[in-house]
Protein backbone atom coordinates (compact mmCIF):
# COMPACT_ATOMS: atom_id res chain seq x y z
CA MET A 1 0.37 -4.01 -13.36
CA LYS A 2 0.74 -4.14 -9.59
CA SER A 3 -2.19 -3.93 -7.20
CA PHE A 4 -2.72 -3.40 -3.48
CA LYS A 5 -5.73 -3.70 -1.17
CA CYS A 6 -5.61 -1.80 2.10
CA ALA A 7 -7.74 -4.50 3.71
CA ASP A 8 -4.87 -6.97 3.15
CA MET A 9 -2.97 -5.02 5.82
CA GLY A 10 -5.73 -5.68 8.33
CA PHE A 11 -7.58 -2.39 8.03
CA SER A 12 -11.35 -2.26 7.62
CA CYS A 13 -10.93 -0.24 4.47
CA GLY A 14 -12.11 -0.69 0.89
CA TRP A 15 -9.31 1.38 -0.66
CA THR A 16 -7.41 -0.27 -3.50
CA ALA A 17 -4.78 0.98 -5.90
CA SER A 18 -2.92 -0.22 -8.94
CA ALA A 19 0.05 1.06 -10.92
CA SER A 20 2.46 -0.07 -13.58
CA SER A 21 5.40 -0.21 -11.16
CA GLU A 22 5.96 -1.01 -7.49
CA LYS A 23 7.55 2.42 -6.98
CA GLU A 24 4.49 4.23 -8.37
CA LEU A 25 2.17 2.04 -6.31
CA MET A 26 4.15 2.70 -3.12
CA GLN A 27 3.73 6.44 -3.73
CA LYS A 28 -0.04 5.99 -3.92
CA ILE A 29 -0.01 3.86 -0.77
CA ALA A 30 2.06 6.47 1.08
CA GLY A 31 -0.52 9.07 0.06
CA HIS A 32 -3.33 6.93 1.52
CA ALA A 33 -1.51 5.96 4.74
CA PRO A 34 -2.38 9.20 6.65
CA ASN A 35 -6.04 8.10 6.52
CA HIS A 36 -5.01 5.45 9.04
CA GLY A 37 -2.85 7.75 11.19
CA ILE A 38 0.38 6.59 9.54
CA LYS A 39 2.66 9.56 9.07
CA GLU A 40 5.81 7.72 7.99
CA ILE A 41 6.40 4.57 5.98
CA THR A 42 9.23 2.89 7.91
CA SER A 43 11.38 0.24 6.27
CA ASP A 44 9.57 -2.47 8.26
CA LEU A 45 6.16 -1.19 7.19
CA ALA A 46 7.32 -0.86 3.58
CA ALA A 47 8.43 -4.51 3.63
CA LYS A 48 5.02 -5.60 4.96
CA VAL A 49 3.22 -3.51 2.35
CA LYS A 50 5.41 -4.87 -0.46
CA SER A 51 4.61 -8.43 0.64
CA LYS A 52 0.90 -7.66 0.00
CA ILE A 53 1.38 -6.23 -3.51
CA LYS A 54 0.06 -8.54 -6.19
CA ASP A 55 0.82 -8.80 -9.89
CA GLN A 56 -2.22 -8.40 -12.13
């Protein structure tokens, strides 16, 4: 399992997600991103997000 905490990106946000693959988790993260005004996951942002994903 892979997990992600939005707060690890510096947001004051309690949202967390987990998934069996990084690809599935990134889809969930992309779905949550508009809550923070993020309309597009750029390659730079994706790299930062991926660096915060943890193995469970």
